Amino acid sequence: MTAPATLPPDSTPAAIDVDRLRAVTITWEDGHVSRFDLPALRLACPCAGCMAEWSAGREPRLAAPLSIVDVRLAGAWGMTPTWVDGHDTGIYSWAYLRAGCECADCAAADCTAVDCPAGD
């Protein structure tokens, strides 16, 4: 068995700030900062149930008001938020989150987790 590969610096969080009512902000090891507003983060849930909703042409329902109750790390791979409505099956990988960054730099670059500009 070989040692697990490490994530590249652009997909490794240095700090995670959870504002339970507004957003999750991740500062990556390369200095880039990604902010995810809660509604967008919840709608981007990668769990099988949410994917099935989207595949059926339905948008997953959001609790009102939307908030995060808890966030657990999924090993070194990502995070799993628990939402106010009890939904807690989405594992958001670091690479998924970095690729989903919608900051001005990333939007302008139309970047992916591999080529996103760092900290501009």
N, C-alpha and C. Protein backbone atom coordinates (compact mmCIF):
# COMPACT_ATOMS: atom_id res chain seq x y z
N MET A 1 0.84 -1.18 0.00
CA MET A 1 0.00 0.00 0.00
C MET A 1 0.89 1.24 0.00
N THR A 2 0.55 2.20 -0.83
CA THR A 2 1.33 3.42 -0.90
C THR A 2 0.69 4.51 -0.05
N ALA A 3 1.49 5.49 0.32
CA ALA A 3 0.98 6.61 1.10
C ALA A 3 0.00 7.41 0.24
N PRO A 4 -1.07 7.94 0.85
CA PRO A 4 -2.03 8.72 0.07
C PRO A 4 -1.40 9.99 -0.48
N ALA A 5 -1.84 10.37 -1.66
CA ALA A 5 -1.36 11.60 -2.28
C ALA A 5 -1.87 12.80 -1.49
N THR A 6 -1.07 13.83 -1.43
CA THR A 6 -1.51 15.06 -0.77
C THR A 6 -2.19 15.95 -1.80
N LEU A 7 -3.08 16.80 -1.33
CA LEU A 7 -3.76 17.73 -2.22
C LEU A 7 -2.79 18.84 -2.64
N PRO A 8 -2.93 19.35 -3.86
CA PRO A 8 -2.10 20.48 -4.25
C PRO A 8 -2.45 21.69 -3.39
N PRO A 9 -1.52 22.64 -3.22
CA PRO A 9 -1.78 23.80 -2.35
C PRO A 9 -3.05 24.57 -2.71
N ASP A 10 -3.43 24.59 -3.99
CA ASP A 10 -4.63 25.33 -4.35
C ASP A 10 -5.91 24.61 -3.95
N SER A 11 -5.81 23.37 -3.49
CA SER A 11 -6.98 22.63 -3.03
C SER A 11 -6.89 22.25 -1.56
N THR A 12 -5.99 22.89 -0.83
CA THR A 12 -5.81 22.60 0.59
C THR A 12 -6.16 23.84 1.40
N PRO A 13 -7.15 23.73 2.29
CA PRO A 13 -7.52 24.92 3.08
C PRO A 13 -6.51 25.20 4.18
N ALA A 14 -6.19 26.48 4.35
CA ALA A 14 -5.35 26.91 5.47
C ALA A 14 -6.23 27.35 6.63
N ALA A 15 -7.42 27.89 6.32
CA ALA A 15 -8.36 28.34 7.35
C ALA A 15 -9.78 28.26 6.80
N ILE A 16 -10.72 27.93 7.68
CA ILE A 16 -12.13 27.85 7.31
C ILE A 16 -12.91 28.67 8.33
N ASP A 17 -13.66 29.64 7.84
CA ASP A 17 -14.49 30.48 8.70
C ASP A 17 -15.95 30.21 8.35
N VAL A 18 -16.72 29.76 9.34
CA VAL A 18 -18.13 29.48 9.12
C VAL A 18 -18.97 30.53 9.83
N ASP A 19 -19.64 31.37 9.04
CA ASP A 19 -20.64 32.29 9.57
C ASP A 19 -21.96 31.54 9.38
N ARG A 20 -22.47 30.97 10.44
CA ARG A 20 -23.61 30.05 10.37
C ARG A 20 -24.85 30.63 9.71
N LEU A 21 -24.94 31.96 9.61
CA LEU A 21 -26.12 32.59 9.03
C LEU A 21 -25.89 33.16 7.63
N ARG A 22 -24.61 33.24 7.20
CA ARG A 22 -24.33 33.93 5.93
C ARG A 22 -23.48 33.16 4.93
N ALA A 23 -22.32 32.69 5.36
CA ALA A 23 -21.38 32.16 4.37
C ALA A 23 -20.30 31.30 5.01
N VAL A 24 -19.62 30.54 4.17
CA VAL A 24 -18.41 29.81 4.55
C VAL A 24 -17.28 30.43 3.74
N THR A 25 -16.23 30.85 4.43
CA THR A 25 -15.08 31.46 3.76
C THR A 25 -13.88 30.55 3.98
N ILE A 26 -13.22 30.20 2.89
CA ILE A 26 -12.03 29.34 2.96
C ILE A 26 -10.84 30.11 2.43
N THR A 27 -9.80 30.17 3.25
CA THR A 27 -8.51 30.70 2.80
C THR A 27 -7.66 29.48 2.47
N TRP A 28 -7.21 29.41 1.23
CA TRP A 28 -6.44 28.27 0.76
C TRP A 28 -4.96 28.47 1.06
N GLU A 29 -4.21 27.38 1.08
CA GLU A 29 -2.78 27.46 1.39
C GLU A 29 -2.01 28.35 0.43
N ASP A 30 -2.52 28.52 -0.79
CA ASP A 30 -1.82 29.39 -1.75
C ASP A 30 -2.22 30.86 -1.59
N GLY A 31 -3.05 31.17 -0.56
CA GLY A 31 -3.43 32.55 -0.27
C GLY A 31 -4.75 32.99 -0.87
N HIS A 32 -5.29 32.23 -1.78
CA HIS A 32 -6.58 32.58 -2.39
C HIS A 32 -7.69 32.45 -1.35
N VAL A 33 -8.71 33.31 -1.45
CA VAL A 33 -9.85 33.28 -0.53
C VAL A 33 -11.12 33.04 -1.33
N SER A 34 -11.89 32.04 -0.92
CA SER A 34 -13.17 31.72 -1.55
C SER A 34 -14.28 31.92 -0.53
N ARG A 35 -15.35 32.62 -0.92
CA ARG A 35 -16.50 32.84 -0.04
C ARG A 35 -17.73 32.22 -0.69
N PHE A 36 -18.42 31.38 0.07
CA PHE A 36 -19.60 30.68 -0.44
C PHE A 36 -20.81 31.10 0.39
N ASP A 37 -21.71 31.87 -0.23
CA ASP A 37 -22.94 32.24 0.45
C ASP A 37 -23.75 30.98 0.70
N LEU A 38 -24.45 30.93 1.84
CA LEU A 38 -25.14 29.70 2.21
C LEU A 38 -26.15 29.19 1.19
N PRO A 39 -27.01 30.04 0.61
CA PRO A 39 -27.95 29.48 -0.38
C PRO A 39 -27.23 28.79 -1.55
N ALA A 40 -26.19 29.42 -2.08
CA ALA A 40 -25.45 28.82 -3.20
C ALA A 40 -24.77 27.52 -2.77
N LEU A 41 -24.21 27.52 -1.57
CA LEU A 41 -23.53 26.32 -1.06
C LEU A 41 -24.53 25.18 -0.89
N ARG A 42 -25.69 25.48 -0.32
CA ARG A 42 -26.71 24.44 -0.12
C ARG A 42 -27.21 23.90 -1.45
N LEU A 43 -27.44 24.78 -2.42
CA LEU A 43 -27.91 24.33 -3.73
C LEU A 43 -26.86 23.53 -4.49
N ALA A 44 -25.59 23.71 -4.13
CA ALA A 44 -24.50 22.97 -4.77
C ALA A 44 -24.19 21.66 -4.04
N CYS A 45 -25.06 21.25 -3.12
CA CYS A 45 -24.81 20.02 -2.36
C CYS A 45 -24.57 18.85 -3.31
N PRO A 46 -23.44 18.16 -3.14
CA PRO A 46 -23.10 17.07 -4.05
C PRO A 46 -23.63 15.70 -3.64
N CYS A 47 -24.53 15.63 -2.66
CA CYS A 47 -25.02 14.32 -2.21
C CYS A 47 -25.93 13.68 -3.26
N ALA A 48 -26.12 12.39 -3.15
CA ALA A 48 -26.93 11.65 -4.12
C ALA A 48 -28.37 12.15 -4.14
N GLY A 49 -28.94 12.47 -2.99
CA GLY A 49 -30.32 12.94 -2.94
C GLY A 49 -30.51 14.25 -3.67
N CYS A 50 -29.61 15.19 -3.46
CA CYS A 50 -29.70 16.49 -4.15
C CYS A 50 -29.44 16.33 -5.64
N MET A 51 -28.49 15.47 -6.00
CA MET A 51 -28.22 15.22 -7.42
C MET A 51 -29.46 14.62 -8.09
N ALA A 52 -30.16 13.75 -7.39
CA ALA A 52 -31.39 13.15 -7.93
C ALA A 52 -32.46 14.21 -8.14
N GLU A 53 -32.57 15.16 -7.22
CA GLU A 53 -33.53 16.26 -7.38
C GLU A 53 -33.21 17.05 -8.65
N TRP A 54 -31.94 17.44 -8.81
CA TRP A 54 -31.56 18.20 -10.00
C TRP A 54 -31.80 17.40 -11.27
N SER A 55 -31.47 16.10 -11.23
CA SER A 55 -31.66 15.25 -12.41
C SER A 55 -33.13 15.14 -12.81
N ALA A 56 -34.02 15.24 -11.80
CA ALA A 56 -35.46 15.17 -12.06
C ALA A 56 -36.04 16.54 -12.42
N GLY A 57 -35.16 17.54 -12.53
CA GLY A 57 -35.62 18.88 -12.89
C GLY A 57 -36.18 19.68 -11.73
N ARG A 58 -35.89 19.22 -10.51
CA ARG A 58 -36.37 19.93 -9.33
C ARG A 58 -35.19 20.51 -8.56
N GLU A 59 -35.39 21.69 -8.01
CA GLU A 59 -34.38 22.32 -7.17
C GLU A 59 -34.58 21.84 -5.74
N PRO A 60 -33.50 21.43 -5.06
CA PRO A 60 -33.66 21.05 -3.65
C PRO A 60 -34.27 22.19 -2.84
N ARG A 61 -35.14 21.85 -1.91
CA ARG A 61 -35.79 22.88 -1.09
C ARG A 61 -34.80 23.41 -0.05
N LEU A 62 -34.87 24.71 0.16
CA LEU A 62 -34.02 25.36 1.16
C LEU A 62 -34.87 25.74 2.36
N ALA A 63 -34.36 25.49 3.54
CA ALA A 63 -35.04 25.92 4.75
C ALA A 63 -35.02 27.44 4.82
N ALA A 64 -36.06 27.99 5.42
CA ALA A 64 -36.10 29.45 5.61
C ALA A 64 -36.33 29.73 7.09
N PRO A 65 -35.47 30.44 7.73
CA PRO A 65 -34.20 30.97 7.23
C PRO A 65 -33.14 29.86 7.18
N LEU A 66 -32.26 29.97 6.22
CA LEU A 66 -31.21 28.98 6.01
C LEU A 66 -30.04 29.26 6.94
N SER A 67 -29.54 28.21 7.57
CA SER A 67 -28.34 28.36 8.40
C SER A 67 -27.64 27.01 8.50
N ILE A 68 -26.39 27.08 8.94
CA ILE A 68 -25.60 25.87 9.20
C ILE A 68 -25.58 25.66 10.70
N VAL A 69 -25.90 24.44 11.11
CA VAL A 69 -25.91 24.08 12.52
C VAL A 69 -24.53 23.61 12.97
N ASP A 70 -23.85 22.87 12.08
CA ASP A 70 -22.55 22.29 12.42
C ASP A 70 -21.80 22.01 11.12
N VAL A 71 -20.50 21.92 11.22
CA VAL A 71 -19.66 21.50 10.09
C VAL A 71 -18.65 20.50 10.63
N ARG A 72 -18.57 19.35 9.97
CA ARG A 72 -17.59 18.33 10.33
C ARG A 72 -16.60 18.16 9.18
N LEU A 73 -15.36 17.90 9.53
CA LEU A 73 -14.38 17.58 8.51
C LEU A 73 -14.59 16.15 8.05
N ALA A 74 -14.44 15.91 6.76
CA ALA A 74 -14.51 14.57 6.19
C ALA A 74 -13.07 14.14 5.95
N GLY A 75 -12.40 13.78 7.03
CA GLY A 75 -10.98 13.46 6.95
C GLY A 75 -10.22 14.67 6.46
N ALA A 76 -9.23 14.45 5.61
CA ALA A 76 -8.48 15.55 5.03
C ALA A 76 -9.04 15.90 3.65
N TRP A 77 -10.19 15.33 3.31
CA TRP A 77 -10.74 15.38 1.97
C TRP A 77 -11.71 16.52 1.75
N GLY A 78 -12.46 16.93 2.78
CA GLY A 78 -13.48 17.95 2.60
C GLY A 78 -14.24 18.22 3.89
N MET A 79 -15.46 18.76 3.72
CA MET A 79 -16.29 19.09 4.89
C MET A 79 -17.74 18.68 4.64
N THR A 80 -18.43 18.42 5.74
CA THR A 80 -19.84 18.05 5.68
C THR A 80 -20.63 18.97 6.59
N PRO A 81 -21.38 19.91 6.01
CA PRO A 81 -22.21 20.78 6.84
C PRO A 81 -23.50 20.07 7.26
N THR A 82 -24.00 20.42 8.42
CA THR A 82 -25.33 20.04 8.84
C THR A 82 -26.18 21.30 8.76
N TRP A 83 -27.21 21.25 7.95
CA TRP A 83 -28.07 22.41 7.72
C TRP A 83 -29.20 22.43 8.74
N VAL A 84 -29.82 23.57 8.91
CA VAL A 84 -30.87 23.75 9.92
C VAL A 84 -32.03 22.77 9.71
N ASP A 85 -32.26 22.33 8.47
CA ASP A 85 -33.34 21.38 8.20
C ASP A 85 -32.93 19.93 8.46
N GLY A 86 -31.69 19.72 8.95
CA GLY A 86 -31.21 18.38 9.26
C GLY A 86 -30.43 17.72 8.14
N HIS A 87 -30.43 18.30 6.96
CA HIS A 87 -29.69 17.72 5.82
C HIS A 87 -28.20 17.71 6.15
N ASP A 88 -27.57 16.54 6.03
CA ASP A 88 -26.15 16.43 6.40
C ASP A 88 -25.41 15.37 5.61
N THR A 89 -25.88 15.07 4.41
CA THR A 89 -25.25 13.98 3.65
C THR A 89 -24.30 14.45 2.56
N GLY A 90 -24.17 15.76 2.37
CA GLY A 90 -23.29 16.26 1.32
C GLY A 90 -21.87 16.41 1.82
N ILE A 91 -20.95 15.72 1.16
CA ILE A 91 -19.53 15.89 1.46
C ILE A 91 -18.95 16.79 0.37
N TYR A 92 -18.58 18.00 0.77
CA TYR A 92 -18.03 18.98 -0.15
C TYR A 92 -16.51 18.82 -0.13
N SER A 93 -15.95 18.23 -1.19
CA SER A 93 -14.50 18.03 -1.22
C SER A 93 -13.82 19.38 -1.40
N TRP A 94 -12.57 19.44 -0.95
CA TRP A 94 -11.82 20.69 -1.11
C TRP A 94 -11.68 21.03 -2.58
N ALA A 95 -11.42 20.04 -3.42
CA ALA A 95 -11.28 20.30 -4.86
C ALA A 95 -12.59 20.81 -5.45
N TYR A 96 -13.72 20.26 -5.02
CA TYR A 96 -15.04 20.70 -5.49
C TYR A 96 -15.28 22.15 -5.10
N LEU A 97 -14.95 22.49 -3.86
CA LEU A 97 -15.15 23.86 -3.39
C LEU A 97 -14.22 24.83 -4.13
N ARG A 98 -12.96 24.44 -4.29
CA ARG A 98 -12.03 25.35 -4.97
C ARG A 98 -12.48 25.57 -6.42
N ALA A 99 -12.90 24.52 -7.09
CA ALA A 99 -13.36 24.64 -8.47
C ALA A 99 -14.64 25.47 -8.56
N GLY A 100 -15.43 25.51 -7.47
CA GLY A 100 -16.67 26.26 -7.46
C GLY A 100 -16.54 27.69 -7.00
N CYS A 101 -15.31 28.15 -6.77
CA CYS A 101 -15.10 29.53 -6.33
C CYS A 101 -15.65 30.49 -7.38
N GLU A 102 -16.44 31.45 -6.93
CA GLU A 102 -17.04 32.42 -7.85
C GLU A 102 -16.55 33.84 -7.57
N CYS A 103 -15.36 33.97 -6.98
CA CYS A 103 -14.81 35.30 -6.74
C CYS A 103 -14.55 35.99 -8.08
N ALA A 104 -14.29 37.28 -8.05
CA ALA A 104 -14.08 38.04 -9.28
C ALA A 104 -12.91 37.49 -10.11
N ASP A 105 -11.82 37.12 -9.44
CA ASP A 105 -10.66 36.58 -10.16
C ASP A 105 -11.02 35.28 -10.86
N CYS A 106 -11.69 34.40 -10.15
CA CYS A 106 -12.04 33.10 -10.73
C CYS A 106 -13.08 33.25 -11.83
N ALA A 107 -14.06 34.12 -11.62
CA ALA A 107 -15.08 34.34 -12.65
C ALA A 107 -14.44 34.90 -13.92
N ALA A 108 -13.51 35.82 -13.76
CA ALA A 108 -12.83 36.42 -14.92
C ALA A 108 -11.96 35.39 -15.63
N ALA A 109 -11.36 34.51 -14.87
CA ALA A 109 -10.47 33.50 -15.45
C ALA A 109 -11.22 32.27 -15.89
N ASP A 110 -12.51 32.14 -15.47
CA ASP A 110 -13.29 30.94 -15.73
C ASP A 110 -12.44 29.73 -15.33
N CYS A 111 -11.90 29.80 -14.09
CA CYS A 111 -10.89 28.85 -13.67
C CYS A 111 -11.47 27.55 -13.12
N THR A 112 -10.57 26.59 -12.97
CA THR A 112 -10.87 25.33 -12.31
C THR A 112 -9.95 25.22 -11.11
N ALA A 113 -10.08 24.14 -10.37
CA ALA A 113 -9.24 23.95 -9.20
C ALA A 113 -7.76 23.94 -9.56
N VAL A 114 -7.43 23.65 -10.80
CA VAL A 114 -6.05 23.55 -11.21
C VAL A 114 -5.46 24.91 -11.62
N ASP A 115 -6.27 25.76 -12.29
CA ASP A 115 -5.68 26.96 -12.86
C ASP A 115 -6.20 28.27 -12.27
N CYS A 116 -6.84 28.23 -11.13
CA CYS A 116 -7.38 29.44 -10.52
C CYS A 116 -6.25 30.34 -10.04
N PRO A 117 -6.34 31.65 -10.31
CA PRO A 117 -5.29 32.55 -9.84
C PRO A 117 -5.24 32.59 -8.32
N ALA A 118 -4.08 32.71 -7.79
CA ALA A 118 -3.92 32.69 -6.33
C ALA A 118 -3.84 34.10 -5.76
N GLY A 119 -4.79 34.40 -4.88
CA GLY A 119 -4.73 35.58 -4.05
C GLY A 119 -4.64 36.93 -4.74
N ASP A 120 -5.02 37.02 -5.97
CA ASP A 120 -4.97 38.32 -6.66
C ASP A 120 -6.05 39.26 -6.18
